[in-house]
Amino acid sequence: MKLIEKFQNFIIDLDGVIYIQDEPIHKAKEFIDELKKRDKKFIFLTNNSGRNSKGYRKKLKSMNIIVDDDKIITSSTATAKYLYENYNNEGKKAYVIGARALKDEIRKIGLNLIDGKNAHLADFVIIGKDPDFNYEMMKIANFAIRNGAIFIATNYDATFPTPEGEIPGAGAIVSSIETASEVKAKVIGKPNIYIMEIAISKFNGNKERTLIIGDRLETDILAGKIAGISTALVLTGVVSREEVSKSEIKPDWILDGIWSFLKE
């Protein structure tokens, strides 16, 4: 029996699973087409806060992978949802380090974005991946957190894969601010159960025949373990078999790549 036949619901990471930066991984399109053909349910779940669901839909479309916006959950969307559900945001201010997509999501829930010295008095400091991150931004975040701002991180991925190798991710930025402020961030993305519950709710909460597919042990696979679902690690991202053998986090399956689901 093919592994694809064992499950009805699939939670699929993007970076390192479906593509590396702008290059689709071998047989990624064919895998998604096979899920559709078999009437499987699937959700893309990414810790990368660099785009919103519409942005990722367009990126996938450029690889001939056609899905609707509601098939994509991002850490920026989950972060905004968490803040909306857990805080009274009326009249509150946020200092946001991250891409435009993250800032747009934060604006949608009614928070006012501030910058510069005004941000020292922010009510929230919210961190995502930002290639323009610098010392001044770290200093502003540090002051705001020391002044009592709630410290939220979209994700804790230290790196993410590119064709030239692993490059710093949001987790590297978060770690620097944690060190400076001496405060640990509340992380919303995988492996946090909050974002997993959002994904599993798309399957009416059915965990029994649900599989998460990812390329990271400490986020994707650990998220699956915490959520109580099956896990599959692909080796096309940031982890090798040797690293798996040394880790306490063990996936249920280790696959060379997403194409392995199409083999007998």
Protein backbone atom coordinates (compact mmCIF):
# COMPACT_ATOMS: atom_id res chain seq x y z
CA MET A 1 0.00 0.00 0.00
CA LYS A 2 1.27 3.44 -0.91
CA LEU A 3 1.79 5.78 2.04
CA ILE A 4 -0.60 8.20 0.38
CA GLU A 5 -3.39 5.62 0.78
CA LYS A 6 -3.00 5.40 4.56
CA PHE A 7 -4.24 8.94 5.19
CA GLN A 8 -7.20 11.11 4.27
CA ASN A 9 -5.91 14.47 5.56
CA PHE A 10 -2.54 16.06 4.82
CA ILE A 11 -0.88 19.07 6.45
CA ILE A 12 1.96 20.10 4.14
CA ASP A 13 4.85 22.47 4.79
CA LEU A 14 6.06 24.60 1.87
CA ASP A 15 9.75 25.60 2.17
CA GLY A 16 11.90 22.51 1.72
CA VAL A 17 8.90 20.29 0.96
CA ILE A 18 7.12 21.74 -2.07
CA TYR A 19 9.84 24.14 -3.21
CA ILE A 20 13.26 25.58 -2.43
CA GLN A 21 12.84 29.36 -2.74
CA ASP A 22 11.44 29.70 -6.28
CA GLU A 23 12.26 26.21 -7.54
CA PRO A 24 9.63 23.48 -7.21
CA ILE A 25 10.85 20.20 -5.75
CA HIS A 26 10.71 17.15 -8.00
CA LYS A 27 7.16 15.80 -8.42
CA ALA A 28 5.60 18.42 -6.10
CA LYS A 29 2.88 19.26 -8.62
CA GLU A 30 2.23 15.59 -9.33
CA PHE A 31 1.83 14.91 -5.60
CA ILE A 32 -0.79 17.64 -5.19
CA ASP A 33 -2.57 16.48 -8.33
CA GLU A 34 -2.64 12.95 -6.89
CA LEU A 35 -4.19 14.21 -3.65
CA LYS A 36 -6.90 15.96 -5.67
CA LYS A 37 -7.47 12.87 -7.84
CA ARG A 38 -7.95 10.70 -4.74
CA ASP A 39 -10.25 13.30 -3.12
CA LYS A 40 -7.87 13.76 -0.19
CA LYS A 41 -8.09 16.84 2.02
CA PHE A 42 -4.98 18.94 2.37
CA ILE A 43 -3.74 22.20 3.84
CA PHE A 44 -0.46 24.03 3.31
CA LEU A 45 0.88 25.20 6.67
CA THR A 46 3.95 27.43 6.62
CA ASN A 47 5.92 29.14 9.37
CA ASN A 48 7.22 31.60 6.79
CA SER A 49 5.52 34.96 7.41
CA GLY A 50 6.91 36.55 4.25
CA ARG A 51 3.63 36.37 2.29
CA ASN A 52 -0.08 36.10 2.98
CA SER A 53 -2.27 33.28 1.69
CA LYS A 54 -2.92 35.11 -1.57
CA GLY A 55 0.82 35.62 -2.08
CA TYR A 56 1.57 31.94 -1.55
CA ARG A 57 -1.30 30.97 -3.84
CA LYS A 58 0.30 33.05 -6.59
CA LYS A 59 3.71 31.54 -5.92
CA LEU A 60 2.30 28.02 -6.13
CA LYS A 61 0.43 28.93 -9.31
CA SER A 62 3.75 29.95 -10.90
CA MET A 63 4.76 26.30 -10.34
CA ASN A 64 1.48 25.06 -11.86
CA ILE A 65 0.16 24.06 -8.44
CA ILE A 66 -3.38 25.44 -8.33
CA VAL A 67 -5.07 25.89 -4.95
CA ASP A 68 -7.45 28.35 -3.31
CA ASP A 69 -6.40 30.83 -0.63
CA ASP A 70 -8.25 28.86 2.05
CA LYS A 71 -5.88 25.93 1.48
CA ILE A 72 -2.98 27.98 2.88
CA ILE A 73 -2.35 28.91 6.52
CA THR A 74 0.62 31.13 7.33
CA SER A 75 2.23 32.01 10.65
CA SER A 76 1.38 35.69 10.04
CA THR A 77 -2.33 34.87 9.68
CA ALA A 78 -2.22 32.65 12.77
CA THR A 79 -0.41 35.36 14.75
CA ALA A 80 -3.07 37.93 13.91
CA LYS A 81 -5.81 35.45 14.81
CA TYR A 82 -4.13 34.70 18.15
CA LEU A 83 -3.85 38.40 19.02
CA TYR A 84 -7.46 39.04 18.03
CA GLU A 85 -8.75 36.18 20.14
CA ASN A 86 -6.63 36.79 23.24
CA TYR A 87 -6.26 40.56 23.62
CA ASN A 88 -8.33 43.72 23.48
CA ASN A 89 -6.53 45.50 20.67
CA GLU A 90 -8.61 48.68 20.58
CA GLY A 91 -6.31 51.71 20.70
CA LYS A 92 -3.24 49.50 21.17
CA LYS A 93 0.07 49.96 19.34
CA ALA A 94 2.41 47.40 17.81
CA TYR A 95 6.01 47.48 16.67
CA VAL A 96 6.29 44.92 13.89
CA ILE A 97 9.50 43.56 12.40
CA GLY A 98 8.64 41.58 9.30
CA ALA A 99 7.32 41.61 5.78
CA ARG A 100 4.46 43.72 4.48
CA ALA A 101 2.20 40.66 4.60
CA LEU A 102 2.66 40.38 8.36
CA LYS A 103 2.09 44.09 8.91
CA ASP A 104 -1.09 43.98 6.82
CA GLU A 105 -2.45 41.09 8.90
CA ILE A 106 -1.72 42.98 12.13
CA ARG A 107 -3.44 46.12 10.83
CA LYS A 108 -6.55 44.08 9.97
CA ILE A 109 -7.17 43.28 13.64
CA GLY A 110 -7.12 46.95 14.61
CA LEU A 111 -3.63 47.41 16.00
CA ASN A 112 -1.84 50.66 15.15
CA LEU A 113 1.66 50.16 13.79
CA ILE A 114 4.34 52.50 15.09
CA ASP A 115 8.06 52.87 14.44
CA GLY A 116 11.16 54.72 15.59
CA LYS A 117 11.39 56.11 19.14
CA ASN A 118 7.58 56.07 19.40
CA ALA A 119 7.80 52.29 19.30
CA HIS A 120 9.54 52.27 22.71
CA LEU A 121 6.01 52.55 24.11
CA ALA A 122 4.44 49.84 21.94
CA ASP A 123 1.96 47.45 23.56
CA PHE A 124 3.14 44.58 21.37
CA VAL A 125 6.40 43.64 19.68
CA ILE A 126 5.69 41.21 16.83
CA ILE A 127 8.51 39.50 14.93
CA GLY A 128 8.62 37.71 11.58
CA LYS A 129 11.25 37.14 8.94
CA ASP A 130 12.75 40.44 7.75
CA PRO A 131 15.78 40.55 5.41
CA ASP A 132 16.25 44.23 6.31
CA PHE A 133 16.57 43.57 10.05
CA ASN A 134 19.34 45.62 11.68
CA TYR A 135 20.76 46.70 15.03
CA GLU A 136 18.50 49.75 15.32
CA MET A 137 15.41 47.57 14.96
CA MET A 138 16.72 45.18 17.59
CA LYS A 139 17.33 48.13 19.92
CA ILE A 140 13.79 49.49 19.46
CA ALA A 141 12.27 46.07 20.12
CA ASN A 142 14.48 45.66 23.18
CA PHE A 143 13.34 48.98 24.68
CA ALA A 144 9.66 48.26 23.99
CA ILE A 145 9.82 44.82 25.62
CA ARG A 146 11.72 46.17 28.62
CA ASN A 147 8.97 48.79 28.91
CA GLY A 148 6.37 46.04 29.15
CA ALA A 149 5.37 45.23 25.55
CA ILE A 150 4.02 41.72 24.93
CA PHE A 151 6.63 39.86 22.85
CA ILE A 152 5.18 37.70 20.04
CA ALA A 153 7.06 35.72 17.38
CA THR A 154 5.43 34.32 14.25
CA ASN A 155 7.90 31.41 14.30
CA TYR A 156 11.22 30.24 15.67
CA ASP A 157 12.79 28.78 12.51
CA ALA A 158 16.47 29.64 12.84
CA THR A 159 17.08 29.14 9.12
CA PHE A 160 15.28 28.25 5.93
CA PRO A 161 16.53 26.53 2.78
CA THR A 162 17.59 28.30 -0.42
CA PRO A 163 19.46 27.05 -3.50
CA GLU A 164 22.67 28.57 -2.08
CA GLY A 165 22.18 26.93 1.33
CA GLU A 166 20.45 27.69 4.60
CA ILE A 167 20.03 31.38 5.41
CA PRO A 168 18.91 33.09 8.64
CA GLY A 169 15.19 32.93 9.38
CA ALA A 170 12.85 34.67 11.80
CA GLY A 171 14.15 32.57 14.67
CA ALA A 172 17.58 34.17 14.36
CA ILE A 173 15.99 37.62 14.71
CA VAL A 174 13.80 36.50 17.62
CA SER A 175 16.81 34.99 19.43
CA SER A 176 18.78 38.23 19.19
CA ILE A 177 15.90 40.21 20.71
CA GLU A 178 15.36 37.60 23.42
CA THR A 179 19.03 37.88 24.34
CA ALA A 180 18.92 41.69 24.43
CA SER A 181 15.62 42.02 26.30
CA GLU A 182 16.04 38.96 28.55
CA VAL A 183 12.45 37.98 27.73
CA LYS A 184 11.30 34.87 25.86
CA ALA A 185 8.87 35.38 22.99
CA LYS A 186 5.48 33.71 22.73
CA VAL A 187 5.85 31.70 19.50
CA ILE A 188 2.69 31.14 17.42
CA GLY A 189 3.97 29.01 14.53
CA LYS A 190 4.87 25.33 14.53
CA PRO A 191 5.38 23.49 16.84
CA ASN A 192 2.87 25.53 18.87
CA ILE A 193 -0.40 23.64 19.28
CA TYR A 194 -2.36 26.81 18.47
CA ILE A 195 -1.45 26.88 14.77
CA MET A 196 -1.86 23.11 14.54
CA GLU A 197 -5.39 23.33 15.90
CA ILE A 198 -6.22 25.88 13.21
CA ALA A 199 -5.00 23.42 10.56
CA ILE A 200 -6.70 20.36 12.06
CA SER A 201 -9.97 22.27 12.36
CA LYS A 202 -10.04 22.29 8.54
CA PHE A 203 -10.51 18.52 8.80
CA ASN A 204 -13.28 18.85 11.40
CA GLY A 205 -10.77 18.00 14.12
CA ASN A 206 -10.17 14.48 12.75
CA LYS A 207 -6.64 13.46 13.78
CA GLU A 208 -6.82 9.71 13.21
CA ARG A 209 -6.00 9.71 9.48
CA THR A 210 -4.09 13.00 9.39
CA LEU A 211 -0.42 13.29 8.41
CA ILE A 212 1.91 16.29 8.63
CA ILE A 213 4.71 16.45 6.06
CA GLY A 214 7.69 18.68 6.82
CA ASP A 215 11.43 19.13 6.54
CA ARG A 216 12.19 20.19 10.13
CA LEU A 217 12.31 18.01 13.22
CA GLU A 218 11.96 20.79 15.78
CA THR A 219 8.98 22.45 14.07
CA ASP A 220 7.03 20.23 11.65
CA ILE A 221 7.65 16.83 13.23
CA LEU A 222 7.47 18.06 16.82
CA ALA A 223 4.24 19.90 15.93
CA GLY A 224 2.75 16.64 14.72
CA LYS A 225 3.82 14.82 17.89
CA ILE A 226 2.34 17.52 20.12
CA ALA A 227 -0.91 17.53 18.12
CA GLY A 228 -1.19 13.73 18.20
CA ILE A 229 -1.03 13.09 14.46
CA SER A 230 1.27 11.04 12.23
CA THR A 231 4.46 12.59 10.89
CA ALA A 232 6.59 12.30 7.75
CA LEU A 233 9.98 13.98 7.31
CA VAL A 234 11.31 14.72 3.82
CA LEU A 235 15.05 15.12 3.32
CA THR A 236 14.82 17.87 0.70
CA GLY A 237 15.00 20.68 3.27
CA VAL A 238 17.34 21.20 6.21
CA VAL A 239 17.67 17.78 7.90
CA SER A 240 19.77 14.73 7.01
CA ARG A 241 19.29 11.08 8.02
CA GLU A 242 22.32 11.39 10.27
CA GLU A 243 20.71 14.32 12.11
CA VAL A 244 17.52 12.32 12.54
CA SER A 245 19.48 9.44 14.08
CA LYS A 246 20.97 11.83 16.67
CA SER A 247 17.69 13.59 17.49
CA GLU A 248 15.20 12.70 20.22
CA ILE A 249 12.43 13.79 17.84
CA LYS A 250 11.65 10.83 15.59
CA PRO A 251 9.26 11.04 12.62
CA ASP A 252 6.99 8.10 11.82
CA TRP A 253 8.36 8.08 8.27
CA ILE A 254 11.56 9.41 6.68
CA LEU A 255 11.29 10.04 2.95
CA ASP A 256 13.79 11.16 0.35
CA GLY A 257 11.31 13.69 -0.98
CA ILE A 258 7.67 14.39 -1.71
CA TRP A 259 7.97 12.14 -4.77
CA SER A 260 8.22 9.15 -2.41
CA PHE A 261 4.45 9.33 -1.87
CA LEU A 262 3.94 8.43 -5.53
CA LYS A 263 5.97 5.21 -5.35
CA GLU A 264 4.48 1.76 -4.78
